[in-house]
Amino acid sequence: MQKNIYLVGFMGTGKSTIGKELARLTGRKFIDMDLMLEKRLGMTIGEVFEAKGELFFRAEEKKLAFELAETHNRVIATGGGTILDEDIKATFASHGIMICLITDRGNLISRLNRTDKRPLLKGEALEERVARLMEERKDIYDKIPLKVDTTNLSPKEAAEKIVNLFKIRQKILDQLQNQYIIIS
């Protein structure tokens, strides 16, 4: 039974596209939390924000996060704000491995300019809104120890980088384990 891999990070860093490729490479099932919520709620994330508000959306997101934490062998693309909730972050950390995807701001702005489906970016200039949200979330994302920079990487290259990161991580854990004698 393999732990879940949770892809976290700011919107537009590639969680969904890289997640699909990572699931393919690792033989895991792919779950996109936003798409799952849209299906479950019968409306787009933008429509949920508009009709019921962000608090309702976050409560539904939290329910889904706890459900997914009880599964195994998944690659789960989270929403950009999912781990702002400390309970969700702690649950993901204890039930799987979180990888924070990052990209440089110019690349991020370019990606986000291609869509108008991001409700948190409505109402002001994109660059200012992104800068403000990134600053608000910086400390949370910075605390995730495993990071992959997706700037200038294809989804396949980023997924391969994550697979290599796991191989390196496992080698380190194996070496640490072999240096200790456990007395019971």
C-alpha atoms as a PDB file:
ATOM      1  CA  MET A   1       0.000   0.000   0.000  1.00  0.00           C
ATOM      2  CA  GLN A   2       1.591   3.247  -1.145  1.00  0.00           C
ATOM      3  CA  LYS A   3       0.984   6.610   0.438  1.00  0.00           C
ATOM      4  CA  ASN A   4      -0.725   9.320  -1.581  1.00  0.00           C
ATOM      5  CA  ILE A   5       1.286  12.029  -3.279  1.00  0.00           C
ATOM      6  CA  TYR A   6      -0.261  15.460  -2.742  1.00  0.00           C
ATOM      7  CA  LEU A   7       0.719  18.145  -5.232  1.00  0.00           C
ATOM      8  CA  VAL A   8       0.339  21.511  -3.542  1.00  0.00           C
ATOM      9  CA  GLY A   9       1.297  25.043  -4.477  1.00  0.00           C
ATOM     10  CA  PHE A  10      -0.015  28.237  -5.955  1.00  0.00           C
ATOM     11  CA  MET A  11      -2.573  28.149  -8.750  1.00  0.00           C
ATOM     12  CA  GLY A  12      -0.970  27.809 -12.161  1.00  0.00           C
ATOM     13  CA  THR A  13       2.121  25.908 -11.025  1.00  0.00           C
ATOM     14  CA  GLY A  14       1.010  22.798 -12.918  1.00  0.00           C
ATOM     15  CA  LYS A  15      -0.522  20.583 -10.237  1.00  0.00           C
ATOM     16  CA  SER A  16      -3.214  19.113 -12.508  1.00  0.00           C
ATOM     17  CA  THR A  17      -1.208  18.651 -15.703  1.00  0.00           C
ATOM     18  CA  ILE A  18       1.884  17.357 -13.918  1.00  0.00           C
ATOM     19  CA  GLY A  19      -0.284  15.229 -11.627  1.00  0.00           C
ATOM     20  CA  LYS A  20      -1.756  13.328 -14.585  1.00  0.00           C
ATOM     21  CA  GLU A  21       1.722  12.592 -15.925  1.00  0.00           C
ATOM     22  CA  LEU A  22       3.054  11.643 -12.495  1.00  0.00           C
ATOM     23  CA  ALA A  23       0.151   9.228 -11.994  1.00  0.00           C
ATOM     24  CA  ARG A  24       0.902   7.642 -15.361  1.00  0.00           C
ATOM     25  CA  LEU A  25       4.610   7.267 -14.566  1.00  0.00           C
ATOM     26  CA  THR A  26       4.005   5.796 -11.124  1.00  0.00           C
ATOM     27  CA  GLY A  27       0.975   3.634 -11.883  1.00  0.00           C
ATOM     28  CA  ARG A  28      -1.219   5.532  -9.454  1.00  0.00           C
ATOM     29  CA  LYS A  29      -4.744   6.855  -9.835  1.00  0.00           C
ATOM     30  CA  PHE A  30      -4.980  10.622 -10.491  1.00  0.00           C
ATOM     31  CA  ILE A  31      -7.429  12.812  -8.584  1.00  0.00           C
ATOM     32  CA  ASP A  32      -7.977  16.515  -9.270  1.00  0.00           C
ATOM     33  CA  MET A  33      -9.683  17.926  -6.177  1.00  0.00           C
ATOM     34  CA  ASP A  34     -11.164  20.938  -7.975  1.00  0.00           C
ATOM     35  CA  LEU A  35     -12.692  18.781 -10.717  1.00  0.00           C
ATOM     36  CA  MET A  36     -14.006  16.337  -8.124  1.00  0.00           C
ATOM     37  CA  LEU A  37     -15.609  19.209  -6.194  1.00  0.00           C
ATOM     38  CA  GLU A  38     -17.160  20.632  -9.365  1.00  0.00           C
ATOM     39  CA  LYS A  39     -18.675  17.254 -10.172  1.00  0.00           C
ATOM     40  CA  ARG A  40     -19.884  16.745  -6.610  1.00  0.00           C
ATOM     41  CA  LEU A  41     -21.400  20.235  -6.310  1.00  0.00           C
ATOM     42  CA  GLY A  42     -22.774  20.378  -9.851  1.00  0.00           C
ATOM     43  CA  MET A  43     -21.178  23.721 -10.685  1.00  0.00           C
ATOM     44  CA  THR A  44     -17.801  25.223 -11.488  1.00  0.00           C
ATOM     45  CA  ILE A  45     -15.545  26.512  -8.720  1.00  0.00           C
ATOM     46  CA  GLY A  46     -16.267  30.053  -9.926  1.00  0.00           C
ATOM     47  CA  GLU A  47     -20.016  29.420  -9.712  1.00  0.00           C
ATOM     48  CA  VAL A  48     -19.621  27.975  -6.206  1.00  0.00           C
ATOM     49  CA  PHE A  49     -17.675  31.057  -5.077  1.00  0.00           C
ATOM     50  CA  GLU A  50     -20.300  33.344  -6.623  1.00  0.00           C
ATOM     51  CA  ALA A  51     -23.405  31.497  -5.431  1.00  0.00           C
ATOM     52  CA  LYS A  52     -22.325  30.150  -2.043  1.00  0.00           C
ATOM     53  CA  GLY A  53     -19.100  31.954  -1.160  1.00  0.00           C
ATOM     54  CA  GLU A  54     -15.543  30.968  -0.386  1.00  0.00           C
ATOM     55  CA  LEU A  55     -16.344  29.691   3.131  1.00  0.00           C
ATOM     56  CA  PHE A  56     -18.806  27.142   1.724  1.00  0.00           C
ATOM     57  CA  PHE A  57     -16.258  26.084  -0.880  1.00  0.00           C
ATOM     58  CA  ARG A  58     -13.504  25.670   1.741  1.00  0.00           C
ATOM     59  CA  ALA A  59     -15.806  23.554   3.941  1.00  0.00           C
ATOM     60  CA  GLU A  60     -16.588  21.239   1.005  1.00  0.00           C
ATOM     61  CA  GLU A  61     -12.900  21.141   0.083  1.00  0.00           C
ATOM     62  CA  LYS A  62     -12.043  20.120   3.653  1.00  0.00           C
ATOM     63  CA  LYS A  63     -14.571  17.262   3.613  1.00  0.00           C
ATOM     64  CA  LEU A  64     -13.108  15.979   0.357  1.00  0.00           C
ATOM     65  CA  ALA A  65      -9.521  16.338   1.630  1.00  0.00           C
ATOM     66  CA  PHE A  66     -10.289  14.151   4.653  1.00  0.00           C
ATOM     67  CA  GLU A  67     -12.006  11.558   2.440  1.00  0.00           C
ATOM     68  CA  LEU A  68      -9.017  11.430   0.097  1.00  0.00           C
ATOM     69  CA  ALA A  69      -6.601  11.088   3.016  1.00  0.00           C
ATOM     70  CA  GLU A  70      -8.204   7.713   3.725  1.00  0.00           C
ATOM     71  CA  THR A  71      -7.294   6.447   0.238  1.00  0.00           C
ATOM     72  CA  HIS A  72      -3.952   5.116  -0.962  1.00  0.00           C
ATOM     73  CA  ASN A  73      -1.839   4.990  -4.110  1.00  0.00           C
ATOM     74  CA  ARG A  74      -3.148   8.278  -5.525  1.00  0.00           C
ATOM     75  CA  VAL A  75      -1.625  11.383  -7.018  1.00  0.00           C
ATOM     76  CA  ILE A  76      -3.841  14.208  -5.797  1.00  0.00           C
ATOM     77  CA  ALA A  77      -3.753  17.670  -7.336  1.00  0.00           C
ATOM     78  CA  THR A  78      -5.005  20.047  -4.653  1.00  0.00           C
ATOM     79  CA  GLY A  79      -6.449  23.495  -5.106  1.00  0.00           C
ATOM     80  CA  GLY A  80      -4.023  26.364  -4.608  1.00  0.00           C
ATOM     81  CA  GLY A  81      -5.556  27.250  -1.245  1.00  0.00           C
ATOM     82  CA  THR A  82      -6.248  23.758   0.067  1.00  0.00           C
ATOM     83  CA  ILE A  83      -3.340  23.587   2.510  1.00  0.00           C
ATOM     84  CA  LEU A  84      -4.085  27.011   3.944  1.00  0.00           C
ATOM     85  CA  ASP A  85      -6.222  24.987   6.339  1.00  0.00           C
ATOM     86  CA  GLU A  86      -3.855  23.646   9.013  1.00  0.00           C
ATOM     87  CA  ASP A  87      -6.010  20.551   9.630  1.00  0.00           C
ATOM     88  CA  ILE A  88      -5.842  19.595   5.960  1.00  0.00           C
ATOM     89  CA  LYS A  89      -2.106  20.239   5.819  1.00  0.00           C
ATOM     90  CA  ALA A  90      -1.476  18.091   8.900  1.00  0.00           C
ATOM     91  CA  THR A  91      -3.710  15.314   7.565  1.00  0.00           C
ATOM     92  CA  PHE A  92      -1.967  15.283   4.194  1.00  0.00           C
ATOM     93  CA  ALA A  93       1.445  15.263   5.886  1.00  0.00           C
ATOM     94  CA  SER A  94       0.506  12.273   8.027  1.00  0.00           C
ATOM     95  CA  HIS A  95      -1.252  10.309   5.268  1.00  0.00           C
ATOM     96  CA  GLY A  96       1.088  10.937   2.353  1.00  0.00           C
ATOM     97  CA  ILE A  97       3.851  12.990   0.860  1.00  0.00           C
ATOM     98  CA  MET A  98       3.370  16.617  -0.121  1.00  0.00           C
ATOM     99  CA  ILE A  99       5.297  18.113  -3.008  1.00  0.00           C
ATOM    100  CA  CYS A 100       5.063  21.870  -3.459  1.00  0.00           C
ATOM    101  CA  LEU A 101       5.214  22.952  -7.090  1.00  0.00           C
ATOM    102  CA  ILE A 102       6.693  26.378  -7.674  1.00  0.00           C
ATOM    103  CA  THR A 103       7.381  28.517 -10.726  1.00  0.00           C
ATOM    104  CA  ASP A 104       8.765  31.986 -11.291  1.00  0.00           C
ATOM    105  CA  ARG A 105       6.283  34.858 -11.236  1.00  0.00           C
ATOM    106  CA  GLY A 106       6.605  35.695 -14.945  1.00  0.00           C
ATOM    107  CA  ASN A 107       5.836  32.117 -15.924  1.00  0.00           C
ATOM    108  CA  LEU A 108       2.957  32.044 -13.453  1.00  0.00           C
ATOM    109  CA  ILE A 109       1.401  35.251 -14.815  1.00  0.00           C
ATOM    110  CA  SER A 110       1.696  33.895 -18.360  1.00  0.00           C
ATOM    111  CA  ARG A 111      -0.084  30.668 -17.373  1.00  0.00           C
ATOM    112  CA  LEU A 112      -2.816  32.458 -15.417  1.00  0.00           C
ATOM    113  CA  ASN A 113      -3.471  34.912 -18.253  1.00  0.00           C
ATOM    114  CA  ARG A 114      -4.690  31.965 -20.332  1.00  0.00           C
ATOM    115  CA  THR A 115      -7.796  31.371 -18.228  1.00  0.00           C
ATOM    116  CA  ASP A 116     -10.563  33.283 -16.501  1.00  0.00           C
ATOM    117  CA  LYS A 117     -11.661  30.328 -14.356  1.00  0.00           C
ATOM    118  CA  ARG A 118      -9.861  31.391 -11.182  1.00  0.00           C
ATOM    119  CA  PRO A 119     -12.358  33.100  -8.853  1.00  0.00           C
ATOM    120  CA  LEU A 120      -9.700  34.437  -6.476  1.00  0.00           C
ATOM    121  CA  LEU A 121      -8.136  36.430  -9.314  1.00  0.00           C
ATOM    122  CA  LYS A 122     -11.261  38.391 -10.184  1.00  0.00           C
ATOM    123  CA  GLY A 123     -11.670  42.066  -9.418  1.00  0.00           C
ATOM    124  CA  GLU A 124      -8.224  43.589  -9.755  1.00  0.00           C
ATOM    125  CA  ALA A 125      -5.178  43.561 -11.988  1.00  0.00           C
ATOM    126  CA  LEU A 126      -3.792  40.036 -12.280  1.00  0.00           C
ATOM    127  CA  GLU A 127      -0.225  40.943 -11.344  1.00  0.00           C
ATOM    128  CA  GLU A 128      -1.276  42.740  -8.148  1.00  0.00           C
ATOM    129  CA  ARG A 129      -3.688  40.004  -7.086  1.00  0.00           C
ATOM    130  CA  VAL A 130      -1.104  37.271  -7.707  1.00  0.00           C
ATOM    131  CA  ALA A 131       1.570  39.217  -5.818  1.00  0.00           C
ATOM    132  CA  ARG A 132      -0.764  39.709  -2.843  1.00  0.00           C
ATOM    133  CA  LEU A 133      -1.942  36.081  -2.734  1.00  0.00           C
ATOM    134  CA  MET A 134       1.597  34.776  -3.110  1.00  0.00           C
ATOM    135  CA  GLU A 135       2.746  36.939  -0.224  1.00  0.00           C
ATOM    136  CA  GLU A 136      -0.186  35.773   1.941  1.00  0.00           C
ATOM    137  CA  ARG A 137       0.623  32.111   1.211  1.00  0.00           C
ATOM    138  CA  LYS A 138       4.422  32.295   1.126  1.00  0.00           C
ATOM    139  CA  ASP A 139       5.020  31.057   4.679  1.00  0.00           C
ATOM    140  CA  ILE A 140       2.695  28.088   4.198  1.00  0.00           C
ATOM    141  CA  TYR A 141       4.248  26.977   0.914  1.00  0.00           C
ATOM    142  CA  ASP A 142       7.774  27.599   2.243  1.00  0.00           C
ATOM    143  CA  LYS A 143       7.207  25.064   5.039  1.00  0.00           C
ATOM    144  CA  ILE A 144       6.703  22.198   2.578  1.00  0.00           C
ATOM    145  CA  PRO A 145      10.161  20.579   2.475  1.00  0.00           C
ATOM    146  CA  LEU A 146       9.890  18.911  -0.948  1.00  0.00           C
ATOM    147  CA  LYS A 147       9.655  21.397  -3.818  1.00  0.00           C
ATOM    148  CA  VAL A 148       9.886  21.121  -7.581  1.00  0.00           C
ATOM    149  CA  ASP A 149      10.369  24.187  -9.761  1.00  0.00           C
ATOM    150  CA  THR A 150       8.174  23.738 -12.848  1.00  0.00           C
ATOM    151  CA  THR A 151       9.498  26.821 -14.642  1.00  0.00           C
ATOM    152  CA  ASN A 152      10.465  25.883 -18.203  1.00  0.00           C
ATOM    153  CA  LEU A 153       9.625  22.194 -17.672  1.00  0.00           C
ATOM    154  CA  SER A 154       7.113  20.171 -19.641  1.00  0.00           C
ATOM    155  CA  PRO A 155       4.629  18.170 -17.544  1.00  0.00           C
ATOM    156  CA  LYS A 156       6.589  15.005 -18.372  1.00  0.00           C
ATOM    157  CA  GLU A 157       9.918  16.567 -17.329  1.00  0.00           C
ATOM    158  CA  ALA A 158       8.411  17.825 -14.065  1.00  0.00           C
ATOM    159  CA  ALA A 159       6.869  14.416 -13.321  1.00  0.00           C
ATOM    160  CA  GLU A 160      10.205  12.713 -14.017  1.00  0.00           C
ATOM    161  CA  LYS A 161      11.887  15.188 -11.681  1.00  0.00           C
ATOM    162  CA  ILE A 162       9.410  14.213  -8.928  1.00  0.00           C
ATOM    163  CA  VAL A 163      10.048  10.502  -9.523  1.00  0.00           C
ATOM    164  CA  ASN A 164      13.802  11.155  -9.223  1.00  0.00           C
ATOM    165  CA  LEU A 165      13.193  13.169  -6.056  1.00  0.00           C
ATOM    166  CA  PHE A 166      11.430  10.139  -4.551  1.00  0.00           C
ATOM    167  CA  LYS A 167      14.304   7.862  -5.517  1.00  0.00           C
ATOM    168  CA  ILE A 168      16.815  10.171  -3.842  1.00  0.00           C
ATOM    169  CA  ARG A 169      14.570  10.545  -0.783  1.00  0.00           C
ATOM    170  CA  GLN A 170      14.243   6.769  -0.473  1.00  0.00           C
ATOM    171  CA  LYS A 171      18.031   6.263  -0.739  1.00  0.00           C
ATOM    172  CA  ILE A 172      18.567   8.761   2.062  1.00  0.00           C
ATOM    173  CA  LEU A 173      15.924   7.098   4.239  1.00  0.00           C
ATOM    174  CA  ASP A 174      17.449   3.662   3.580  1.00  0.00           C
ATOM    175  CA  GLN A 175      20.912   4.934   4.499  1.00  0.00           C
ATOM    176  CA  LEU A 176      19.635   6.532   7.693  1.00  0.00           C
ATOM    177  CA  GLN A 177      17.793   3.378   8.638  1.00  0.00           C
ATOM    178  CA  ASN A 178      20.913   1.257   8.160  1.00  0.00           C
ATOM    179  CA  GLN A 179      22.947   3.452  10.516  1.00  0.00           C
ATOM    180  CA  TYR A 180      20.813   2.758  13.564  1.00  0.00           C
ATOM    181  CA  ILE A 181      20.194  -0.331  15.649  1.00  0.00           C
ATOM    182  CA  ILE A 182      16.711  -0.546  17.005  1.00  0.00           C
ATOM    183  CA  ILE A 183      16.495  -2.145  20.434  1.00  0.00           C
ATOM    184  CA  SER A 184      13.088  -3.236  21.580  1.00  0.00           C
END
